[in-house]
C-alpha atoms as a PDB file:
ATOM      1  CA  UNK A   1     -79.678 -39.181  41.763  1.00  0.00           C
ATOM      2  CA  UNK A   2     -79.420 -35.631  40.509  1.00  0.00           C
ATOM      3  CA  UNK A   3     -82.050 -33.697  38.629  1.00  0.00           C
ATOM      4  CA  UNK A   4     -79.776 -33.677  35.572  1.00  0.00           C
ATOM      5  CA  UNK A   5     -79.696 -37.479  35.548  1.00  0.00           C
ATOM      6  CA  UNK A   6     -83.473 -37.672  35.975  1.00  0.00           C
ATOM      7  CA  UNK A   7     -83.935 -35.179  33.148  1.00  0.00           C
ATOM      8  CA  UNK A   8     -81.529 -37.063  30.857  1.00  0.00           C
ATOM      9  CA  UNK A   9     -83.363 -40.334  31.384  1.00  0.00           C
ATOM     10  CA  UNK A  10     -86.779 -38.765  30.907  1.00  0.00           C
ATOM     11  CA  UNK A  11     -85.669 -37.016  27.689  1.00  0.00           C
ATOM     12  CA  UNK A  12     -84.365 -40.321  26.386  1.00  0.00           C
ATOM     13  CA  UNK A  13     -87.752 -41.919  27.032  1.00  0.00           C
ATOM     14  CA  UNK A  14     -89.532 -39.058  25.276  1.00  0.00           C
ATOM     15  CA  UNK A  15     -87.283 -39.397  22.207  1.00  0.00           C
ATOM     16  CA  UNK A  16     -87.620 -43.208  22.101  1.00  0.00           C
ATOM     17  CA  UNK A  17     -91.320 -43.859  22.366  1.00  0.00           C
ATOM     18  CA  UNK A  18     -90.750 -47.238  20.701  1.00  0.00           C
ATOM     19  CA  UNK A  19     -89.648 -48.628  24.111  1.00  0.00           C
ATOM     20  CA  UNK A  20     -92.949 -48.569  26.056  1.00  0.00           C
ATOM     21  CA  UNK A  21     -91.903 -51.138  28.671  1.00  0.00           C
ATOM     22  CA  UNK A  22     -88.877 -49.085  29.701  1.00  0.00           C
ATOM     23  CA  UNK A  23     -90.987 -45.941  29.816  1.00  0.00           C
ATOM     24  CA  UNK A  24     -93.607 -47.610  31.986  1.00  0.00           C
ATOM     25  CA  UNK A  25     -90.960 -49.024  34.332  1.00  0.00           C
ATOM     26  CA  UNK A  26     -89.399 -45.587  34.695  1.00  0.00           C
ATOM     27  CA  UNK A  27     -92.791 -44.029  35.400  1.00  0.00           C
ATOM     28  CA  UNK A  28     -93.370 -46.734  38.042  1.00  0.00           C
ATOM     29  CA  UNK A  29     -90.038 -45.866  39.685  1.00  0.00           C
ATOM     30  CA  UNK A  30     -90.990 -42.186  39.767  1.00  0.00           C
ATOM     31  CA  UNK A  31     -94.388 -43.074  41.206  1.00  0.00           C
ATOM     32  CA  UNK A  32     -92.708 -45.084  43.972  1.00  0.00           C
ATOM     33  CA  UNK A  33     -90.348 -42.177  44.618  1.00  0.00           C
ATOM     34  CA  UNK A  34     -93.241 -39.763  44.989  1.00  0.00           C
ATOM     35  CA  UNK A  35     -95.223 -42.202  47.147  1.00  0.00           C
ATOM     36  CA  UNK A  36     -92.210 -42.597  49.435  1.00  0.00           C
ATOM     37  CA  UNK A  37     -91.814 -38.850  49.900  1.00  0.00           C
ATOM     38  CA  UNK A  38     -95.540 -38.333  50.480  1.00  0.00           C
ATOM     39  CA  UNK A  39     -95.959 -41.415  52.653  1.00  0.00           C
ATOM     40  CA  UNK A  40     -93.385 -40.781  55.361  1.00  0.00           C
ATOM     41  CA  UNK A  41     -95.339 -37.894  56.928  1.00  0.00           C
ATOM     42  CA  UNK A  42     -98.513 -39.964  57.572  1.00  0.00           C
ATOM     43  CA  UNK A  43     -96.333 -42.923  58.618  1.00  0.00           C
ATOM     44  CA  UNK A  44     -94.877 -40.891  61.468  1.00  0.00           C
ATOM     45  CA  UNK A  45     -98.062 -38.968  62.218  1.00  0.00           C
ATOM     46  CA  UNK A  46    -100.084 -42.166  62.689  1.00  0.00           C
ATOM     47  CA  UNK A  47     -97.277 -44.077  64.442  1.00  0.00           C
ATOM     48  CA  UNK A  48     -97.011 -46.569  61.590  1.00  0.00           C
ATOM     49  CA  UNK A  49     -93.268 -46.884  62.000  1.00  0.00           C
ATOM     50  CA  UNK A  50     -93.315 -50.176  60.106  1.00  0.00           C
ATOM     51  CA  UNK A  51     -93.964 -48.089  56.967  1.00  0.00           C
ATOM     52  CA  UNK A  52     -90.858 -45.927  57.388  1.00  0.00           C
ATOM     53  CA  UNK A  53     -88.440 -48.476  55.830  1.00  0.00           C
ATOM     54  CA  UNK A  54     -90.848 -48.987  52.935  1.00  0.00           C
ATOM     55  CA  UNK A  55     -90.951 -45.243  52.361  1.00  0.00           C
ATOM     56  CA  UNK A  56     -87.150 -45.072  52.477  1.00  0.00           C
ATOM     57  CA  UNK A  57     -86.867 -47.829  49.859  1.00  0.00           C
ATOM     58  CA  UNK A  58     -89.520 -46.143  47.717  1.00  0.00           C
ATOM     59  CA  UNK A  59     -87.676 -42.818  47.928  1.00  0.00           C
ATOM     60  CA  UNK A  60     -84.548 -44.474  46.559  1.00  0.00           C
ATOM     61  CA  UNK A  61     -86.369 -46.474  43.838  1.00  0.00           C
ATOM     62  CA  UNK A  62     -85.128 -44.414  40.835  1.00  0.00           C
ATOM     63  CA  UNK A  63     -81.542 -44.589  42.051  1.00  0.00           C
ATOM     64  CA  UNK A  64     -81.768 -48.335  42.697  1.00  0.00           C
ATOM     65  CA  UNK A  65     -83.322 -48.919  39.278  1.00  0.00           C
ATOM     66  CA  UNK A  66     -80.724 -46.816  37.456  1.00  0.00           C
ATOM     67  CA  UNK A  67     -77.889 -48.513  39.329  1.00  0.00           C
ATOM     68  CA  UNK A  68     -79.267 -51.958  38.480  1.00  0.00           C
ATOM     69  CA  UNK A  69     -79.661 -50.987  34.797  1.00  0.00           C
ATOM     70  CA  UNK A  70     -76.139 -49.560  34.584  1.00  0.00           C
ATOM     71  CA  UNK A  71     -74.595 -52.643  36.187  1.00  0.00           C
ATOM     72  CA  UNK A  72     -76.516 -54.905  33.818  1.00  0.00           C
ATOM     73  CA  UNK A  73     -75.347 -52.727  30.924  1.00  0.00           C
ATOM     74  CA  UNK A  74     -71.693 -52.961  32.039  1.00  0.00           C
ATOM     75  CA  UNK A  75     -72.019 -56.726  32.383  1.00  0.00           C
ATOM     76  CA  UNK A  76     -73.468 -56.795  28.832  1.00  0.00           C
ATOM     77  CA  UNK A  77     -76.667 -58.494  29.979  1.00  0.00           C
ATOM     78  CA  UNK A  78     -78.874 -55.531  29.111  1.00  0.00           C
ATOM     79  CA  UNK A  79     -78.499 -52.637  26.715  1.00  0.00           C
ATOM     80  CA  UNK A  80     -78.958 -49.244  28.314  1.00  0.00           C
ATOM     81  CA  UNK A  81     -78.875 -46.469  25.736  1.00  0.00           C
ATOM     82  CA  UNK A  82     -79.426 -43.650  28.203  1.00  0.00           C
ATOM     83  CA  UNK A  83     -76.234 -44.542  30.114  1.00  0.00           C
ATOM     84  CA  UNK A  84     -73.322 -42.167  29.677  1.00  0.00           C
END
């Protein structure tokens, strides 16, 4: 996911404060993303290799979430206004 896409989604959330659940979900995805990037260094430093796949999934959380939302939007199960 590019920085332009992240910025577009965040700007949409800032303009549409009447959707708090979506905003909180997006913030949770960004929190997971940050935790994944920060967590892989201690995972390798402390030989907790079991945490490496969790960090990899967390690092791709925003992309997975956006992909899921766009597919649901295309299938007309969910409306996604920030989709282009």
